[in-house]
Amino acid sequence: MADQLIIEHLTKVYERGDVLALDDVSLSVKKGEFLVVIGLSGSGKSTLLRCVNRLIEPTSGKIIFEGADVTAASGAELRRLRRKMGMIYQHFNLVRRSSVLTNVIAGRLGYVNPWLSAIHKFPSQDVNMALRNLDRVGIRDQAYKRADELSGGQQQRVGIARALMQDPELLMADEPVSALDPATSHSVMKYLEQMNQEDGVTVITSLHFLSLARRYGTRILALKDGKIVFEGLPSEIDEARFKEIYGDEAEQVEVR
């Protein structure tokens, strides 16, 4: 199967503080993979994900998505590519005072008239699509509540439903369960797994917990100080390798 995403020599330097967040990272991802990126806080996981859709601008390197050069794209071409890339955030990134339904429909903003979206006028087909996606993640009955009335796990499901609105080819989840308890973490991860297995959506997610990475990933990538230090199957990470990646924090992050 051809590579869907190719990253070549990706480097990111944050000029403020002169921080090298990604150091010559190269990898490829095939369509339908469930790639889990692990590593300590500050290892470059979030930066890697956000460089793929250029929420963060790379310093150097190249990102190719479905044959198109993301790093060279601008304007309409960049918007077209971003439509195919859903994003789920660690802290949900919802408009807390708006309804759940409005937050989900926001996933269609790349497709609808911006003037109508500014006054919350959405096509009926988008409203129906949003309700179906809320039904899919089990919270259709919460559609007309304010987002901040929901629990953390429910808010993350709103984030998943919003990402589904894009009909994405690639879904990136930036530590989607770090703020959730273990049971809720598994319920959220299972929705990502469902999208991957039933819809054929490629998933790249960053996680702290090796047990979750082993349970859901088809491949694991580990970052340390902005460099790839492991790439392989979940079964290939043993306790010694895990402690190598995490150091003194290994005991803390393996609770789940």
C-alpha atoms as a PDB file:
ATOM      1  CA  MET A   1       0.000   0.000   0.000  1.00  0.00           C
ATOM      2  CA  ALA A   2       1.309   3.452  -0.903  1.00  0.00           C
ATOM      3  CA  ASP A   3       2.330   5.950   1.735  1.00  0.00           C
ATOM      4  CA  GLN A   4      -0.405   8.456   2.512  1.00  0.00           C
ATOM      5  CA  LEU A   5       1.842  10.791   4.518  1.00  0.00           C
ATOM      6  CA  ILE A   6       5.572  11.300   4.033  1.00  0.00           C
ATOM      7  CA  ILE A   7       7.625  13.505   6.341  1.00  0.00           C
ATOM      8  CA  GLU A   8      11.189  14.258   5.281  1.00  0.00           C
ATOM      9  CA  HIS A   9      13.868  15.872   7.464  1.00  0.00           C
ATOM     10  CA  LEU A  10      11.317  17.879   9.477  1.00  0.00           C
ATOM     11  CA  THR A  11      12.881  20.391  11.826  1.00  0.00           C
ATOM     12  CA  LYS A  12      11.193  22.960  14.045  1.00  0.00           C
ATOM     13  CA  VAL A  13      13.046  25.594  16.028  1.00  0.00           C
ATOM     14  CA  TYR A  14      11.035  27.893  18.267  1.00  0.00           C
ATOM     15  CA  GLU A  15      12.902  31.161  17.986  1.00  0.00           C
ATOM     16  CA  ARG A  16      11.665  32.385  21.346  1.00  0.00           C
ATOM     17  CA  GLY A  17      14.014  30.553  23.677  1.00  0.00           C
ATOM     18  CA  ASP A  18      15.881  28.973  20.766  1.00  0.00           C
ATOM     19  CA  VAL A  19      14.228  25.581  21.403  1.00  0.00           C
ATOM     20  CA  LEU A  20      14.841  22.708  18.966  1.00  0.00           C
ATOM     21  CA  ALA A  21      11.446  20.945  19.140  1.00  0.00           C
ATOM     22  CA  LEU A  22      11.910  18.594  16.152  1.00  0.00           C
ATOM     23  CA  ASP A  23      15.350  17.501  14.982  1.00  0.00           C
ATOM     24  CA  ASP A  24      15.497  16.076  11.430  1.00  0.00           C
ATOM     25  CA  VAL A  25      12.442  13.824  11.771  1.00  0.00           C
ATOM     26  CA  SER A  26      11.600  11.545   8.830  1.00  0.00           C
ATOM     27  CA  LEU A  27       8.792   8.974   8.691  1.00  0.00           C
ATOM     28  CA  SER A  28       5.976   7.702   6.508  1.00  0.00           C
ATOM     29  CA  VAL A  29       2.427   6.609   7.302  1.00  0.00           C
ATOM     30  CA  LYS A  30       0.347   4.250   5.197  1.00  0.00           C
ATOM     31  CA  LYS A  31      -3.384   4.715   4.693  1.00  0.00           C
ATOM     32  CA  GLY A  32      -5.389   2.947   7.384  1.00  0.00           C
ATOM     33  CA  GLU A  33      -2.621   2.870   9.990  1.00  0.00           C
ATOM     34  CA  PHE A  34      -3.214   3.722  13.648  1.00  0.00           C
ATOM     35  CA  LEU A  35       0.096   5.331  14.558  1.00  0.00           C
ATOM     36  CA  VAL A  36       0.694   6.187  18.212  1.00  0.00           C
ATOM     37  CA  VAL A  37       3.396   8.731  19.073  1.00  0.00           C
ATOM     38  CA  ILE A  38       4.751   8.464  22.617  1.00  0.00           C
ATOM     39  CA  GLY A  39       7.297  10.443  24.590  1.00  0.00           C
ATOM     40  CA  LEU A  40       7.756  12.785  27.509  1.00  0.00           C
ATOM     41  CA  SER A  41       6.157  16.208  27.634  1.00  0.00           C
ATOM     42  CA  GLY A  42       8.369  18.434  25.511  1.00  0.00           C
ATOM     43  CA  SER A  43       9.617  15.568  23.345  1.00  0.00           C
ATOM     44  CA  GLY A  44       8.014  17.087  20.222  1.00  0.00           C
ATOM     45  CA  LYS A  45       4.779  15.054  19.936  1.00  0.00           C
ATOM     46  CA  SER A  46       2.368  17.983  19.681  1.00  0.00           C
ATOM     47  CA  THR A  47       4.725  19.941  17.445  1.00  0.00           C
ATOM     48  CA  LEU A  48       4.953  16.991  15.042  1.00  0.00           C
ATOM     49  CA  LEU A  49       1.174  16.670  14.732  1.00  0.00           C
ATOM     50  CA  ARG A  50       0.630  20.393  14.318  1.00  0.00           C
ATOM     51  CA  CYS A  51       3.317  20.707  11.664  1.00  0.00           C
ATOM     52  CA  VAL A  52       1.497  18.145   9.501  1.00  0.00           C
ATOM     53  CA  ASN A  53      -1.457  20.503   8.933  1.00  0.00           C
ATOM     54  CA  ARG A  54       0.712  23.600   9.455  1.00  0.00           C
ATOM     55  CA  LEU A  55      -1.005  24.863  12.554  1.00  0.00           C
ATOM     56  CA  ILE A  56       2.688  25.263  13.378  1.00  0.00           C
ATOM     57  CA  GLU A  57       5.028  26.285  10.575  1.00  0.00           C
ATOM     58  CA  PRO A  58       8.018  23.960  10.165  1.00  0.00           C
ATOM     59  CA  THR A  59      11.455  25.553  10.137  1.00  0.00           C
ATOM     60  CA  SER A  60      12.648  23.184   7.418  1.00  0.00           C
ATOM     61  CA  GLY A  61      11.815  19.848   5.831  1.00  0.00           C
ATOM     62  CA  LYS A  62       8.977  18.582   3.679  1.00  0.00           C
ATOM     63  CA  ILE A  63       5.507  17.142   4.350  1.00  0.00           C
ATOM     64  CA  ILE A  64       3.753  15.266   1.533  1.00  0.00           C
ATOM     65  CA  PHE A  65       0.103  14.293   2.031  1.00  0.00           C
ATOM     66  CA  GLU A  66      -1.597  12.178  -0.619  1.00  0.00           C
ATOM     67  CA  GLY A  67       0.965  13.339  -3.161  1.00  0.00           C
ATOM     68  CA  ALA A  68       0.613  17.059  -2.384  1.00  0.00           C
ATOM     69  CA  ASP A  69       3.364  19.145  -0.792  1.00  0.00           C
ATOM     70  CA  VAL A  70       1.756  20.598   2.341  1.00  0.00           C
ATOM     71  CA  THR A  71       4.828  22.662   3.147  1.00  0.00           C
ATOM     72  CA  ALA A  72       4.631  24.468  -0.216  1.00  0.00           C
ATOM     73  CA  ALA A  73       0.833  24.927  -0.233  1.00  0.00           C
ATOM     74  CA  SER A  74      -0.853  28.252   0.413  1.00  0.00           C
ATOM     75  CA  GLY A  75      -4.277  29.823   0.168  1.00  0.00           C
ATOM     76  CA  ALA A  76      -6.956  27.650  -1.416  1.00  0.00           C
ATOM     77  CA  GLU A  77      -4.646  24.655  -1.801  1.00  0.00           C
ATOM     78  CA  LEU A  78      -3.737  24.638   1.899  1.00  0.00           C
ATOM     79  CA  ARG A  79      -7.418  24.949   2.873  1.00  0.00           C
ATOM     80  CA  ARG A  80      -8.250  22.021   0.569  1.00  0.00           C
ATOM     81  CA  LEU A  81      -5.598  19.852   2.187  1.00  0.00           C
ATOM     82  CA  ARG A  82      -6.659  20.813   5.714  1.00  0.00           C
ATOM     83  CA  ARG A  83     -10.220  19.732   4.954  1.00  0.00           C
ATOM     84  CA  LYS A  84      -8.919  16.174   4.698  1.00  0.00           C
ATOM     85  CA  MET A  85      -7.165  16.378   8.084  1.00  0.00           C
ATOM     86  CA  GLY A  86      -9.299  16.234  11.204  1.00  0.00           C
ATOM     87  CA  MET A  87      -7.825  17.381  14.531  1.00  0.00           C
ATOM     88  CA  ILE A  88      -8.767  16.468  18.095  1.00  0.00           C
ATOM     89  CA  TYR A  89      -7.224  18.498  20.908  1.00  0.00           C
ATOM     90  CA  GLN A  90      -6.043  17.708  24.412  1.00  0.00           C
ATOM     91  CA  HIS A  91      -8.237  20.366  26.030  1.00  0.00           C
ATOM     92  CA  PHE A  92     -11.164  19.888  23.622  1.00  0.00           C
ATOM     93  CA  ASN A  93     -10.877  23.372  22.005  1.00  0.00           C
ATOM     94  CA  LEU A  94     -14.638  23.973  22.136  1.00  0.00           C
ATOM     95  CA  VAL A  95     -16.528  27.265  22.260  1.00  0.00           C
ATOM     96  CA  ARG A  96     -17.758  26.662  25.771  1.00  0.00           C
ATOM     97  CA  ARG A  97     -20.709  29.065  25.686  1.00  0.00           C
ATOM     98  CA  SER A  98     -22.028  27.708  22.387  1.00  0.00           C
ATOM     99  CA  SER A  99     -24.237  24.657  22.038  1.00  0.00           C
ATOM    100  CA  VAL A 100     -22.839  21.217  21.433  1.00  0.00           C
ATOM    101  CA  LEU A 101     -24.516  21.197  18.011  1.00  0.00           C
ATOM    102  CA  THR A 102     -22.914  24.503  16.983  1.00  0.00           C
ATOM    103  CA  ASN A 103     -19.490  23.226  18.062  1.00  0.00           C
ATOM    104  CA  VAL A 104     -19.899  20.094  15.952  1.00  0.00           C
ATOM    105  CA  ILE A 105     -21.098  21.994  12.882  1.00  0.00           C
ATOM    106  CA  ALA A 106     -17.947  24.114  13.172  1.00  0.00           C
ATOM    107  CA  GLY A 107     -16.201  21.135  11.593  1.00  0.00           C
ATOM    108  CA  ARG A 108     -17.871  22.098   8.296  1.00  0.00           C
ATOM    109  CA  LEU A 109     -16.592  25.676   8.271  1.00  0.00           C
ATOM    110  CA  GLY A 110     -14.176  24.854   5.465  1.00  0.00           C
ATOM    111  CA  TYR A 111     -17.151  23.902   3.283  1.00  0.00           C
ATOM    112  CA  VAL A 112     -19.890  26.458   4.035  1.00  0.00           C
ATOM    113  CA  ASN A 113     -20.450  30.139   3.232  1.00  0.00           C
ATOM    114  CA  PRO A 114     -18.434  32.103   5.857  1.00  0.00           C
ATOM    115  CA  TRP A 115     -21.081  34.853   6.031  1.00  0.00           C
ATOM    116  CA  LEU A 116     -23.784  32.352   6.965  1.00  0.00           C
ATOM    117  CA  SER A 117     -21.565  30.535   9.437  1.00  0.00           C
ATOM    118  CA  ALA A 118     -20.787  33.862  11.168  1.00  0.00           C
ATOM    119  CA  ILE A 119     -24.467  34.181  12.121  1.00  0.00           C
ATOM    120  CA  HIS A 120     -24.876  30.455  12.830  1.00  0.00           C
ATOM    121  CA  LYS A 121     -26.986  29.787   9.738  1.00  0.00           C
ATOM    122  CA  PHE A 122     -26.103  26.324   8.509  1.00  0.00           C
ATOM    123  CA  PRO A 123     -27.543  24.174   5.711  1.00  0.00           C
ATOM    124  CA  SER A 124     -30.064  21.627   6.964  1.00  0.00           C
ATOM    125  CA  GLN A 125     -27.926  18.787   5.611  1.00  0.00           C
ATOM    126  CA  ASP A 126     -25.041  19.923   7.828  1.00  0.00           C
ATOM    127  CA  VAL A 127     -27.324  20.057  10.879  1.00  0.00           C
ATOM    128  CA  ASN A 128     -28.541  16.536  10.131  1.00  0.00           C
ATOM    129  CA  MET A 129     -24.964  15.357   9.596  1.00  0.00           C
ATOM    130  CA  ALA A 130     -23.970  16.855  12.965  1.00  0.00           C
ATOM    131  CA  LEU A 131     -26.828  15.081  14.719  1.00  0.00           C
ATOM    132  CA  ARG A 132     -25.846  11.779  13.112  1.00  0.00           C
ATOM    133  CA  ASN A 133     -22.239  12.223  14.249  1.00  0.00           C
ATOM    134  CA  LEU A 134     -23.358  13.058  17.793  1.00  0.00           C
ATOM    135  CA  ASP A 135     -25.480   9.925  17.684  1.00  0.00           C
ATOM    136  CA  ARG A 136     -22.429   7.970  16.585  1.00  0.00           C
ATOM    137  CA  VAL A 137     -20.463   9.052  19.655  1.00  0.00           C
ATOM    138  CA  GLY A 138     -23.459   8.476  21.927  1.00  0.00           C
ATOM    139  CA  ILE A 139     -24.393  12.040  22.915  1.00  0.00           C
ATOM    140  CA  ARG A 140     -27.122  13.142  20.505  1.00  0.00           C
ATOM    141  CA  ASP A 141     -29.292  13.890  23.551  1.00  0.00           C
ATOM    142  CA  GLN A 142     -26.771  16.591  24.556  1.00  0.00           C
ATOM    143  CA  ALA A 143     -26.981  18.480  21.234  1.00  0.00           C
ATOM    144  CA  TYR A 144     -28.696  21.598  22.567  1.00  0.00           C
ATOM    145  CA  LYS A 145     -26.809  21.943  25.817  1.00  0.00           C
ATOM    146  CA  ARG A 146     -23.952  24.396  26.231  1.00  0.00           C
ATOM    147  CA  ALA A 147     -20.604  22.709  25.726  1.00  0.00           C
ATOM    148  CA  ASP A 148     -19.415  23.673  29.221  1.00  0.00           C
ATOM    149  CA  GLU A 149     -22.301  21.730  30.789  1.00  0.00           C
ATOM    150  CA  LEU A 150     -20.770  18.439  29.639  1.00  0.00           C
ATOM    151  CA  SER A 151     -18.218  16.247  31.397  1.00  0.00           C
ATOM    152  CA  GLY A 152     -14.659  16.053  30.100  1.00  0.00           C
ATOM    153  CA  GLY A 153     -15.302  12.749  28.364  1.00  0.00           C
ATOM    154  CA  GLN A 154     -18.446  14.098  26.723  1.00  0.00           C
ATOM    155  CA  GLN A 155     -16.605  17.234  25.567  1.00  0.00           C
ATOM    156  CA  GLN A 156     -13.935  15.094  23.926  1.00  0.00           C
ATOM    157  CA  ARG A 157     -16.687  13.152  22.132  1.00  0.00           C
ATOM    158  CA  VAL A 158     -17.944  16.509  20.828  1.00  0.00           C
ATOM    159  CA  GLY A 159     -14.417  17.043  19.495  1.00  0.00           C
ATOM    160  CA  ILE A 160     -14.548  13.675  17.729  1.00  0.00           C
ATOM    161  CA  ALA A 161     -17.971  14.432  16.228  1.00  0.00           C
ATOM    162  CA  ARG A 162     -16.624  17.795  15.017  1.00  0.00           C
ATOM    163  CA  ALA A 163     -13.679  16.057  13.344  1.00  0.00           C
ATOM    164  CA  LEU A 164     -16.088  13.600  11.675  1.00  0.00           C
ATOM    165  CA  MET A 165     -17.835  16.552  10.017  1.00  0.00           C
ATOM    166  CA  GLN A 166     -14.812  16.960   7.744  1.00  0.00           C
ATOM    167  CA  ASP A 167     -15.033  13.407   6.383  1.00  0.00           C
ATOM    168  CA  PRO A 168     -11.280  13.293   7.061  1.00  0.00           C
ATOM    169  CA  GLU A 169      -8.783  11.028   5.364  1.00  0.00           C
ATOM    170  CA  LEU A 170      -6.369  11.594   8.240  1.00  0.00           C
ATOM    171  CA  LEU A 171      -7.283  12.173  11.880  1.00  0.00           C
ATOM    172  CA  MET A 172      -4.728  13.596  14.293  1.00  0.00           C
ATOM    173  CA  ALA A 173      -5.405  13.495  18.018  1.00  0.00           C
ATOM    174  CA  ASP A 174      -3.101  15.507  20.262  1.00  0.00           C
ATOM    175  CA  GLU A 175      -3.062  13.719  23.632  1.00  0.00           C
ATOM    176  CA  PRO A 176      -6.846  13.277  23.503  1.00  0.00           C
ATOM    177  CA  VAL A 177      -7.175  11.431  26.826  1.00  0.00           C
ATOM    178  CA  SER A 178      -4.567  13.079  29.053  1.00  0.00           C
ATOM    179  CA  ALA A 179      -7.262  14.992  30.967  1.00  0.00           C
ATOM    180  CA  LEU A 180      -9.547  11.955  31.378  1.00  0.00           C
ATOM    181  CA  ASP A 181      -9.790   9.079  33.850  1.00  0.00           C
ATOM    182  CA  PRO A 182      -8.785   5.569  32.693  1.00  0.00           C
ATOM    183  CA  ALA A 183     -12.287   4.263  31.955  1.00  0.00           C
ATOM    184  CA  THR A 184     -13.260   7.382  30.000  1.00  0.00           C
ATOM    185  CA  SER A 185      -9.913   7.259  28.193  1.00  0.00           C
ATOM    186  CA  HIS A 186     -10.724   3.818  26.811  1.00  0.00           C
ATOM    187  CA  SER A 187     -14.202   4.902  25.692  1.00  0.00           C
ATOM    188  CA  VAL A 188     -12.716   7.846  23.752  1.00  0.00           C
ATOM    189  CA  MET A 189      -9.948   5.692  22.244  1.00  0.00           C
ATOM    190  CA  LYS A 190     -12.529   3.160  21.094  1.00  0.00           C
ATOM    191  CA  TYR A 191     -14.280   5.844  19.040  1.00  0.00           C
ATOM    192  CA  LEU A 192     -10.973   6.639  17.335  1.00  0.00           C
ATOM    193  CA  GLU A 193     -10.440   2.938  16.740  1.00  0.00           C
ATOM    194  CA  GLN A 194     -13.929   2.682  15.234  1.00  0.00           C
ATOM    195  CA  MET A 195     -13.182   5.490  12.773  1.00  0.00           C
ATOM    196  CA  ASN A 196      -9.933   3.766  11.869  1.00  0.00           C
ATOM    197  CA  GLN A 197     -11.335   0.273  11.399  1.00  0.00           C
ATOM    198  CA  GLU A 198     -14.824   0.993  10.042  1.00  0.00           C
ATOM    199  CA  ASP A 199     -14.219   4.150   8.025  1.00  0.00           C
ATOM    200  CA  GLY A 200     -10.633   3.473   6.985  1.00  0.00           C
ATOM    201  CA  VAL A 201      -9.449   6.792   8.423  1.00  0.00           C
ATOM    202  CA  THR A 202      -5.730   6.963   9.148  1.00  0.00           C
ATOM    203  CA  VAL A 203      -5.163   7.938  12.787  1.00  0.00           C
ATOM    204  CA  ILE A 204      -2.083   9.538  14.318  1.00  0.00           C
ATOM    205  CA  THR A 205      -2.415  10.153  18.039  1.00  0.00           C
ATOM    206  CA  SER A 206       0.005  11.169  20.732  1.00  0.00           C
ATOM    207  CA  LEU A 207      -0.301   9.371  24.078  1.00  0.00           C
ATOM    208  CA  HIS A 208       1.597   9.195  27.350  1.00  0.00           C
ATOM    209  CA  PHE A 209       0.485   5.751  28.438  1.00  0.00           C
ATOM    210  CA  LEU A 210       2.183   2.677  27.013  1.00  0.00           C
ATOM    211  CA  SER A 211      -0.774   0.421  27.862  1.00  0.00           C
ATOM    212  CA  LEU A 212      -3.068   2.541  25.674  1.00  0.00           C
ATOM    213  CA  ALA A 213      -0.447   2.707  22.933  1.00  0.00           C
ATOM    214  CA  ARG A 214      -0.112  -1.076  22.912  1.00  0.00           C
ATOM    215  CA  ARG A 215      -3.865  -1.625  22.983  1.00  0.00           C
ATOM    216  CA  TYR A 216      -4.827   0.707  20.117  1.00  0.00           C
ATOM    217  CA  GLY A 217      -1.768   1.328  17.950  1.00  0.00           C
ATOM    218  CA  THR A 218      -0.815  -0.693  14.898  1.00  0.00           C
ATOM    219  CA  ARG A 219       2.606   0.992  15.055  1.00  0.00           C
ATOM    220  CA  ILE A 220       4.399   3.045  17.690  1.00  0.00           C
ATOM    221  CA  LEU A 221       6.799   5.947  17.224  1.00  0.00           C
ATOM    222  CA  ALA A 222       8.727   7.327  20.193  1.00  0.00           C
ATOM    223  CA  LEU A 223      10.234  10.812  20.359  1.00  0.00           C
ATOM    224  CA  LYS A 224      12.867  12.050  22.767  1.00  0.00           C
ATOM    225  CA  ASP A 225      14.326  15.553  22.596  1.00  0.00           C
ATOM    226  CA  GLY A 226      12.794  16.008  19.144  1.00  0.00           C
ATOM    227  CA  LYS A 227      14.355  12.870  17.659  1.00  0.00           C
ATOM    228  CA  ILE A 228      12.849   9.497  16.766  1.00  0.00           C
ATOM    229  CA  VAL A 229      14.280   6.949  19.217  1.00  0.00           C
ATOM    230  CA  PHE A 230      11.959   4.016  18.439  1.00  0.00           C
ATOM    231  CA  GLU A 231       9.726   2.973  15.564  1.00  0.00           C
ATOM    232  CA  GLY A 232       8.057  -0.426  15.426  1.00  0.00           C
ATOM    233  CA  LEU A 233       5.225  -2.709  16.482  1.00  0.00           C
ATOM    234  CA  PRO A 234       3.536  -2.341  19.897  1.00  0.00           C
ATOM    235  CA  SER A 235       4.836  -5.777  20.883  1.00  0.00           C
ATOM    236  CA  GLU A 236       8.420  -4.646  20.271  1.00  0.00           C
ATOM    237  CA  ILE A 237       8.477  -2.125  23.110  1.00  0.00           C
ATOM    238  CA  ASP A 238       9.597  -4.003  26.206  1.00  0.00           C
ATOM    239  CA  GLU A 239      10.000  -2.571  29.691  1.00  0.00           C
ATOM    240  CA  ALA A 240      13.669  -1.792  29.197  1.00  0.00           C
ATOM    241  CA  ARG A 241      13.045   0.126  25.971  1.00  0.00           C
ATOM    242  CA  PHE A 242      10.155   1.981  27.581  1.00  0.00           C
ATOM    243  CA  LYS A 243      12.316   3.098  30.502  1.00  0.00           C
ATOM    244  CA  GLU A 244      14.964   4.172  28.018  1.00  0.00           C
ATOM    245  CA  ILE A 245      12.438   6.513  26.387  1.00  0.00           C
ATOM    246  CA  TYR A 246      10.867   7.869  29.575  1.00  0.00           C
ATOM    247  CA  GLY A 247      13.717   7.697  32.083  1.00  0.00           C
ATOM    248  CA  ASP A 248      12.741   8.426  35.676  1.00  0.00           C
ATOM    249  CA  GLU A 249       9.124   9.145  34.680  1.00  0.00           C
ATOM    250  CA  ALA A 250       8.514   5.626  33.342  1.00  0.00           C
ATOM    251  CA  GLU A 251       6.795   4.445  36.525  1.00  0.00           C
ATOM    252  CA  GLN A 252       4.407   7.406  36.550  1.00  0.00           C
ATOM    253  CA  VAL A 253       3.213   7.150  32.962  1.00  0.00           C
ATOM    254  CA  GLU A 254       2.536   3.408  32.979  1.00  0.00           C
ATOM    255  CA  VAL A 255      -0.309   3.641  35.542  1.00  0.00           C
ATOM    256  CA  ARG A 256      -2.941   2.969  32.865  1.00  0.00           C
END
